[in-house]
Protein backbone atom coordinates (compact mmCIF):
# COMPACT_ATOMS: atom_id res chain seq x y z
CA UNK A 1 -1.03 49.01 -29.35
CA UNK A 2 -2.47 52.06 -29.71
CA UNK A 3 0.71 54.28 -29.17
CA UNK A 4 2.16 51.94 -31.56
CA UNK A 5 -0.10 52.75 -34.40
CA UNK A 6 -0.92 56.37 -33.43
CA UNK A 7 2.54 58.13 -35.68
CA UNK A 8 1.13 55.87 -39.02
CA UNK A 9 -2.54 57.29 -38.32
CA UNK A 10 -1.65 61.26 -37.61
CA UNK A 11 0.68 60.67 -40.55
CA UNK A 12 -2.58 60.55 -42.43
CA UNK A 13 -5.31 63.61 -42.72
CA UNK A 14 -7.53 63.38 -40.15
CA UNK A 15 -10.79 62.21 -41.45
CA UNK A 16 -9.34 59.48 -43.34
CA UNK A 17 -7.11 58.44 -39.97
CA UNK A 18 -10.64 58.30 -38.08
CA UNK A 19 -11.95 55.83 -40.79
CA UNK A 20 -9.47 53.82 -40.67
CA UNK A 21 -9.39 53.26 -36.87
CA UNK A 22 -12.80 52.18 -36.39
CA UNK A 23 -11.90 49.57 -39.32
CA UNK A 24 -9.39 48.87 -37.83
CA UNK A 25 -11.60 48.42 -34.43
CA UNK A 26 -13.86 46.18 -35.88
CA UNK A 27 -10.89 43.45 -37.33
CA UNK A 28 -9.66 43.63 -33.93
CA UNK A 29 -13.17 42.80 -32.75
CA UNK A 30 -13.93 40.68 -34.77
CA UNK A 31 -10.62 38.79 -33.25
CA UNK A 32 -11.39 38.94 -30.14
CA UNK A 33 -8.03 41.09 -29.86
CA UNK A 34 -10.03 43.99 -28.25
CA UNK A 35 -8.78 43.11 -24.71
CA UNK A 36 -4.68 44.39 -26.29
CA UNK A 37 -5.84 47.84 -27.34
CA UNK A 38 -7.28 48.56 -23.26
CA UNK A 39 -7.24 46.52 -19.76
CA UNK A 40 -10.52 45.65 -18.13
CA UNK A 41 -12.64 48.18 -16.55
CA UNK A 42 -14.17 47.04 -13.23
CA UNK A 43 -17.69 47.45 -12.79
CA UNK A 44 -18.91 50.83 -11.24
CA UNK A 45 -22.61 51.39 -11.40
CA UNK A 46 -24.79 54.42 -11.35
CA UNK A 47 -28.49 54.88 -11.14
CA UNK A 48 -29.22 58.12 -13.08
CA UNK A 49 -31.84 58.94 -15.95
CA UNK A 50 -33.75 55.70 -14.55
CA UNK A 51 -31.20 54.08 -15.96
CA UNK A 52 -28.22 51.57 -14.74
CA UNK A 53 -24.72 51.94 -16.27
CA UNK A 54 -22.26 49.63 -16.17
CA UNK A 55 -19.97 52.91 -15.44
CA UNK A 56 -20.04 56.43 -15.60
CA UNK A 57 -17.90 56.82 -18.57
CA UNK A 58 -19.55 57.23 -21.94
CA UNK A 59 -18.71 57.88 -25.81
CA UNK A 60 -19.72 61.07 -27.16
CA UNK A 61 -21.71 61.45 -30.13
CA UNK A 62 -19.91 62.35 -33.61
CA UNK A 63 -17.39 58.97 -33.37
CA UNK A 64 -19.43 57.15 -35.25
CA UNK A 65 -22.28 59.05 -37.10
CA UNK A 66 -24.92 55.74 -38.32
CA UNK A 67 -24.10 53.43 -35.56
CA UNK A 68 -22.01 51.10 -38.21
CA UNK A 69 -19.30 49.90 -35.13
CA UNK A 70 -21.79 49.94 -32.71
CA UNK A 71 -20.82 46.37 -30.93
CA UNK A 72 -17.15 46.82 -31.64
CA UNK A 73 -17.10 50.45 -29.46
CA UNK A 74 -19.57 48.45 -26.97
CA UNK A 75 -16.84 46.18 -26.08
CA UNK A 76 -14.14 49.06 -25.14
CA UNK A 77 -15.44 48.32 -21.80
CA UNK A 78 -17.58 51.77 -22.21
CA UNK A 79 -20.44 52.76 -19.93
CA UNK A 80 -22.39 54.49 -22.60
CA UNK A 81 -22.28 54.65 -26.61
CA UNK A 82 -23.56 57.18 -28.40
CA UNK A 83 -24.03 57.13 -31.87
CA UNK A 84 -25.02 60.05 -34.28
CA UNK A 85 -25.99 63.35 -35.16
CA UNK A 86 -28.36 61.75 -37.76
CA UNK A 87 -31.28 63.70 -39.73
CA UNK A 88 -33.98 62.28 -41.46
CA UNK A 89 -32.89 62.72 -45.48
CA UNK A 90 -28.42 61.53 -46.14
CA UNK A 91 -26.35 64.62 -46.31
CA UNK A 92 -22.47 64.44 -46.94
CA UNK A 93 -21.76 67.15 -44.26
CA UNK A 94 -19.28 70.30 -45.57
CA UNK A 95 -16.49 70.28 -47.97
CA UNK A 96 -13.11 68.23 -47.09
CA UNK A 97 -11.09 68.74 -45.73
CA UNK A 98 -13.01 69.23 -42.57
CA UNK A 99 -11.23 67.95 -39.86
CA UNK A 100 -8.02 69.09 -38.50
CA UNK A 101 -5.80 68.19 -35.90
CA UNK A 102 -3.65 69.79 -32.78
CA UNK A 103 -1.22 67.12 -31.46
CA UNK A 104 0.35 69.59 -29.46
CA UNK A 105 -2.39 71.21 -27.46
CA UNK A 106 -4.23 68.28 -28.04
CA UNK A 107 -7.08 69.82 -29.94
CA UNK A 108 -9.45 69.14 -32.92
CA UNK A 109 -11.36 71.07 -35.25
CA UNK A 110 -14.24 69.78 -37.31
CA UNK A 111 -16.55 71.46 -39.39
CA UNK A 112 -18.29 67.60 -40.52
CA UNK A 113 -22.33 69.44 -40.58
CA UNK A 114 -24.08 65.99 -39.78
CA UNK A 115 -22.51 63.87 -42.77
CA UNK A 116 -24.08 61.29 -41.97
CA UNK A 117 -26.48 57.87 -44.41
CA UNK A 118 -29.78 59.33 -43.02
CA UNK A 119 -32.18 57.87 -40.14
CA UNK A 120 -33.22 54.66 -41.54
CA UNK A 121 -30.09 53.04 -42.13
CA UNK A 122 -29.29 53.96 -38.65
CA UNK A 123 -32.08 52.09 -37.40
CA UNK A 124 -30.95 49.11 -39.84
CA UNK A 125 -27.37 49.37 -37.87
CA UNK A 126 -29.22 49.17 -34.76
CA UNK A 127 -31.41 46.25 -35.22
CA UNK A 128 -28.87 43.88 -36.22
CA UNK A 129 -25.85 45.04 -33.46
CA UNK A 130 -25.44 42.41 -31.23
CA UNK A 131 -24.57 44.17 -28.31
CA UNK A 132 -22.49 42.46 -25.83
CA UNK A 133 -22.29 43.41 -21.65
CA UNK A 134 -24.75 45.78 -20.31
CA UNK A 135 -23.45 49.93 -21.85
CA UNK A 136 -26.45 51.50 -22.83
CA UNK A 137 -26.71 52.94 -26.37
CA UNK A 138 -27.62 56.58 -26.70
CA UNK A 139 -28.90 58.34 -30.03
CA UNK A 140 -28.43 61.96 -31.03
CA UNK A 141 -30.74 63.54 -32.86
CA UNK A 142 -30.68 66.64 -35.63
CA UNK A 143 -32.35 68.41 -38.33
CA UNK A 144 -31.26 68.30 -41.87
CA UNK A 145 -29.17 71.40 -43.37
CA UNK A 146 -32.20 72.31 -45.80
CA UNK A 147 -34.50 72.46 -43.02
CA UNK A 148 -35.42 75.82 -41.82
CA UNK A 149 -35.35 76.58 -38.12
CA UNK A 150 -39.17 77.58 -38.70
CA UNK A 151 -39.76 74.07 -39.73
CA UNK A 152 -36.94 72.09 -37.82
CA UNK A 153 -39.70 70.52 -35.14
CA UNK A 154 -40.51 67.96 -37.89
CA UNK A 155 -37.10 66.62 -39.24
CA UNK A 156 -36.10 66.29 -34.69
CA UNK A 157 -39.87 64.50 -34.45
CA UNK A 158 -39.12 61.73 -37.26
CA UNK A 159 -35.76 60.79 -36.04
CA UNK A 160 -37.39 60.56 -32.52
CA UNK A 161 -39.69 58.43 -33.57
CA UNK A 162 -37.59 56.40 -35.10
CA UNK A 163 -35.45 55.58 -33.05
CA UNK A 164 -37.28 55.80 -29.57
CA UNK A 165 -37.95 51.89 -29.89
CA UNK A 166 -34.25 51.15 -29.72
CA UNK A 167 -32.62 54.08 -27.83
CA UNK A 168 -31.60 53.81 -24.44
CA UNK A 169 -31.63 57.91 -24.66
CA UNK A 170 -32.37 60.07 -26.76
CA UNK A 171 -30.34 63.02 -27.56
CA UNK A 172 -31.40 66.65 -29.03
CA UNK A 173 -29.23 68.38 -30.37
CA UNK A 174 -29.34 72.22 -31.28
CA UNK A 175 -25.95 73.20 -30.92
CA UNK A 176 -23.40 71.80 -33.52
CA UNK A 177 -21.97 75.15 -34.52
CA UNK A 178 -21.59 73.33 -38.20
CA UNK A 179 -24.79 73.55 -39.49
CA UNK A 180 -26.16 76.87 -40.06
CA UNK A 181 -28.35 78.32 -37.41
CA UNK A 182 -29.00 75.28 -35.70
CA UNK A 183 -27.76 77.35 -32.35
CA UNK A 184 -30.61 79.66 -32.90
CA UNK A 185 -33.08 76.69 -31.39
CA UNK A 186 -30.95 77.91 -28.23
CA UNK A 187 -32.16 81.04 -27.69
CA UNK A 188 -34.92 80.87 -25.44
CA UNK A 189 -38.41 81.33 -27.33
CA UNK A 190 -37.64 79.28 -30.50
CA UNK A 191 -35.93 76.40 -27.58
CA UNK A 192 -39.53 76.48 -25.36
CA UNK A 193 -41.55 75.72 -29.01
CA UNK A 194 -39.33 72.88 -29.99
CA UNK A 195 -38.74 71.08 -26.85
CA UNK A 196 -42.12 71.41 -25.73
CA UNK A 197 -43.49 69.64 -29.18
CA UNK A 198 -40.74 66.50 -28.50
CA UNK A 199 -41.69 66.96 -25.04
CA UNK A 200 -45.12 66.69 -26.20
CA UNK A 201 -44.09 63.15 -28.61
CA UNK A 202 -42.07 61.24 -25.99
CA UNK A 203 -44.83 61.08 -23.18
CA UNK A 204 -47.02 59.78 -26.33
CA UNK A 205 -44.21 57.44 -27.70
CA UNK A 206 -44.17 56.33 -24.01
CA UNK A 207 -48.01 55.51 -23.87
CA UNK A 208 -47.20 53.68 -27.37
CA UNK A 209 -44.12 51.99 -26.78
CA UNK A 210 -44.61 50.60 -22.89
CA UNK A 211 -41.86 52.43 -21.95
CA UNK A 212 -40.33 55.80 -21.13
CA UNK A 213 -37.12 56.59 -23.07
CA UNK A 214 -35.42 59.54 -21.38
CA UNK A 215 -34.59 62.71 -23.62
CA UNK A 216 -31.95 64.78 -23.42
CA UNK A 217 -31.02 68.62 -24.94
CA UNK A 218 -27.48 69.52 -25.50
CA UNK A 219 -25.86 72.68 -25.61
CA UNK A 220 -23.02 75.12 -26.47
CA UNK A 221 -20.35 76.05 -24.36
CA UNK A 222 -20.17 79.54 -26.18
CA UNK A 223 -23.69 81.15 -24.46
CA UNK A 224 -23.20 83.77 -22.13
CA UNK A 225 -24.23 83.22 -18.58
CA UNK A 226 -27.74 84.88 -19.36
CA UNK A 227 -28.39 82.46 -22.56
CA UNK A 228 -27.21 79.84 -19.70
CA UNK A 229 -29.67 81.13 -17.40
CA UNK A 230 -32.49 80.98 -19.53
CA UNK A 231 -32.01 78.07 -21.01
CA UNK A 232 -31.91 76.27 -17.86
CA UNK A 233 -34.72 77.99 -16.87
CA UNK A 234 -36.90 76.64 -20.32
CA UNK A 235 -35.62 73.13 -19.56
CA UNK A 236 -36.28 73.46 -16.42
CA UNK A 237 -39.81 74.38 -17.01
CA UNK A 238 -40.66 71.46 -19.06
CA UNK A 239 -39.25 69.19 -17.45
CA UNK A 240 -36.40 67.61 -19.70
CA UNK A 241 -34.87 64.44 -18.55
CA UNK A 242 -30.85 65.47 -18.72
CA UNK A 243 -28.52 68.15 -20.18
CA UNK A 244 -25.79 67.42 -22.12
CA UNK A 245 -22.77 70.38 -21.44
CA UNK A 246 -21.20 70.52 -23.89
CA UNK A 247 -20.40 70.53 -27.49
CA UNK A 248 -17.45 72.16 -29.31
CA UNK A 249 -16.57 75.30 -29.31
CA UNK A 250 -16.49 78.15 -31.85
CA UNK A 251 -13.52 80.47 -29.76
CA UNK A 252 -9.83 79.71 -30.21
CA UNK A 253 -8.95 79.23 -26.47
CA UNK A 254 -5.44 78.73 -26.09
CA UNK A 255 -4.73 78.10 -29.66
CA UNK A 256 -4.78 81.18 -31.17
CA UNK A 257 -1.54 81.03 -32.91
CA UNK A 258 -1.69 78.13 -34.23
CA UNK A 259 -1.86 78.06 -38.10
CA UNK A 260 -5.06 76.47 -37.61
CA UNK A 261 -6.87 78.19 -35.95
CA UNK A 262 -8.54 80.27 -38.34
CA UNK A 263 -10.52 77.11 -39.70
CA UNK A 264 -13.51 77.78 -39.31
CA UNK A 265 -15.53 74.76 -37.40
CA UNK A 266 -15.98 73.24 -33.94
CA UNK A 267 -13.02 73.20 -30.96
CA UNK A 268 -12.47 70.05 -29.08
CA UNK A 269 -9.95 68.01 -26.71
CA UNK A 270 -8.29 69.92 -24.15
CA UNK A 271 -8.46 73.82 -24.65
CA UNK A 272 -12.41 73.19 -24.36
CA UNK A 273 -12.00 71.96 -21.18
CA UNK A 274 -12.17 75.07 -18.72
CA UNK A 275 -14.89 76.77 -20.53
CA UNK A 276 -17.40 73.66 -21.10
CA UNK A 277 -16.79 72.56 -17.09
CA UNK A 278 -18.18 76.34 -16.37
CA UNK A 279 -20.74 75.67 -18.29
CA UNK A 280 -21.97 72.61 -17.22
CA UNK A 281 -21.32 74.29 -13.38
CA UNK A 282 -23.67 77.19 -14.03
CA UNK A 283 -26.24 75.24 -15.62
CA UNK A 284 -26.19 73.35 -12.67
CA UNK A 285 -27.02 75.53 -10.16
CA UNK A 286 -29.43 77.22 -12.34
CA UNK A 287 -31.50 73.43 -12.84
CA UNK A 288 -33.69 71.52 -10.78
CA UNK A 289 -31.57 68.63 -8.60
CA UNK A 290 -33.09 66.25 -9.93
CA UNK A 291 -31.91 66.81 -13.85
CA UNK A 292 -28.35 65.02 -14.07
CA UNK A 293 -26.37 66.66 -16.26
CA UNK A 294 -23.18 65.11 -18.87
CA UNK A 295 -19.84 66.27 -19.00
CA UNK A 296 -18.48 66.20 -22.59
CA UNK A 297 -15.34 68.92 -23.67
CA UNK A 298 -11.79 68.33 -22.88
CA UNK A 299 -11.66 65.75 -21.28
CA UNK A 300 -7.91 64.38 -21.95
CA UNK A 301 -7.26 62.62 -18.28
CA UNK A 302 -8.77 61.21 -15.09
CA UNK A 303 -8.22 63.71 -13.42
CA UNK A 304 -10.19 66.24 -16.07
CA UNK A 305 -13.24 63.37 -15.83
CA UNK A 306 -13.11 64.29 -11.93
CA UNK A 307 -12.98 67.92 -12.57
CA UNK A 308 -17.08 67.42 -14.55
CA UNK A 309 -18.12 65.50 -11.84
CA UNK A 310 -16.83 67.96 -9.18
CA UNK A 311 -18.67 70.45 -11.39
CA UNK A 312 -22.04 68.51 -11.44
CA UNK A 313 -21.80 65.76 -13.43
CA UNK A 314 -23.65 62.55 -13.23
CA UNK A 315 -21.83 61.18 -15.99
CA UNK A 316 -18.76 61.86 -18.08
CA UNK A 317 -18.31 61.31 -22.09
CA UNK A 318 -14.88 61.46 -24.47
CA UNK A 319 -14.31 61.79 -28.10
CA UNK A 320 -11.48 64.06 -28.95
CA UNK A 321 -9.08 62.66 -25.95
CA UNK A 322 -9.66 59.12 -27.50
CA UNK A 323 -7.40 60.72 -30.31
CA UNK A 324 -4.88 61.57 -28.19
CA UNK A 325 -4.98 58.38 -25.71
CA UNK A 326 -6.32 56.38 -27.39
CA UNK A 327 -8.77 53.35 -25.95
CA UNK A 328 -6.39 53.23 -22.28
CA UNK A 329 -8.35 56.70 -21.65
CA UNK A 330 -11.61 55.08 -20.37
CA UNK A 331 -10.46 52.67 -17.62
CA UNK A 332 -7.97 55.35 -16.54
CA UNK A 333 -11.53 57.98 -16.02
CA UNK A 334 -13.50 55.33 -14.90
CA UNK A 335 -10.99 54.45 -11.75
CA UNK A 336 -10.11 57.96 -11.62
CA UNK A 337 -14.01 58.49 -10.78
CA UNK A 338 -13.63 55.75 -8.39
CA UNK A 339 -11.61 56.91 -6.06
CA UNK A 340 -13.09 60.35 -5.91
CA UNK A 341 -16.25 58.18 -4.73
CA UNK A 342 -14.39 56.25 -2.69
CA UNK A 343 -11.85 58.94 -1.28
CA UNK A 344 -14.31 61.66 -0.67
CA UNK A 345 -12.20 63.65 1.54
CA UNK A 346 -8.95 63.72 -1.28
CA UNK A 347 -7.25 60.48 -2.26
CA UNK A 348 -5.23 61.09 -5.51
CA UNK A 349 -6.79 61.14 -8.63
CA UNK A 350 -3.96 60.59 -11.13
CA UNK A 351 -3.34 57.10 -12.18
CA UNK A 352 -0.65 56.29 -9.50
């Protein structure tokens, strides 16, 4: 069904097509028609982060900023869905147009800028959602663009406290390229200060709510080797629960001759696969073994998902690949990872 809708969607502005796709997904879910979009996915339980995931393939943050479409997205068969990035106060994000497709390269450039309705709206949406199945929920938190980095911890603390009771895990986003200065929070001293404050808050909230919600940190693919090493050292010392590698890139590998290559923003999709996987692999060798990694960036096939797992990921996430492949990509990735698990010596990876 997605292959029939794709030409129509690709004829529209990318952000408008994004909105219409989510509306159509909601309607299909209400009509109990999602089974026509993708085949049912057999369970493949994964235990990590102290949680039981029904399968290792999740949705990355950014597709559903406010949790408006949570029920339908959960019903597609993801093992987990991450919503956000959310900020304390609503913000419009950057001026439009701010999302661009590069179909031949299976890539997307976006400079959305944390457009969202504010954390209170997300909390309301999640609280009233009727989640089917056993898929888990991650909530990705950030800071408002007009909050200076010196006060960033206040924004992250506000969001953490609001979403903590509802989330299965929380992701701290300090790596989007579309909020000016945000990536400076990945520098060693700033990272130690921010994550130290949030770790203390996490332990207080665990005592208050009687449950410990894992907290992960999402990093950029554009870090130098020394920056990766220092980030791993800090995150290991502070005992974060996990790391997500990676966000989008400001580099333009494989697309530098495209007419849209000069558009500012983060590049995602197939051209990101190599660099994001290199960062993932280096983090795996630098982080303590007990801190799991989620691999995201450039997955457009089951083989790509297996590459992330081979580089050290415990789970993977999709986003841009869904734009080009549709929901069938979810099951393809689960089955490829299942074959890798069942035939570790080198069985077929690509779908038969």
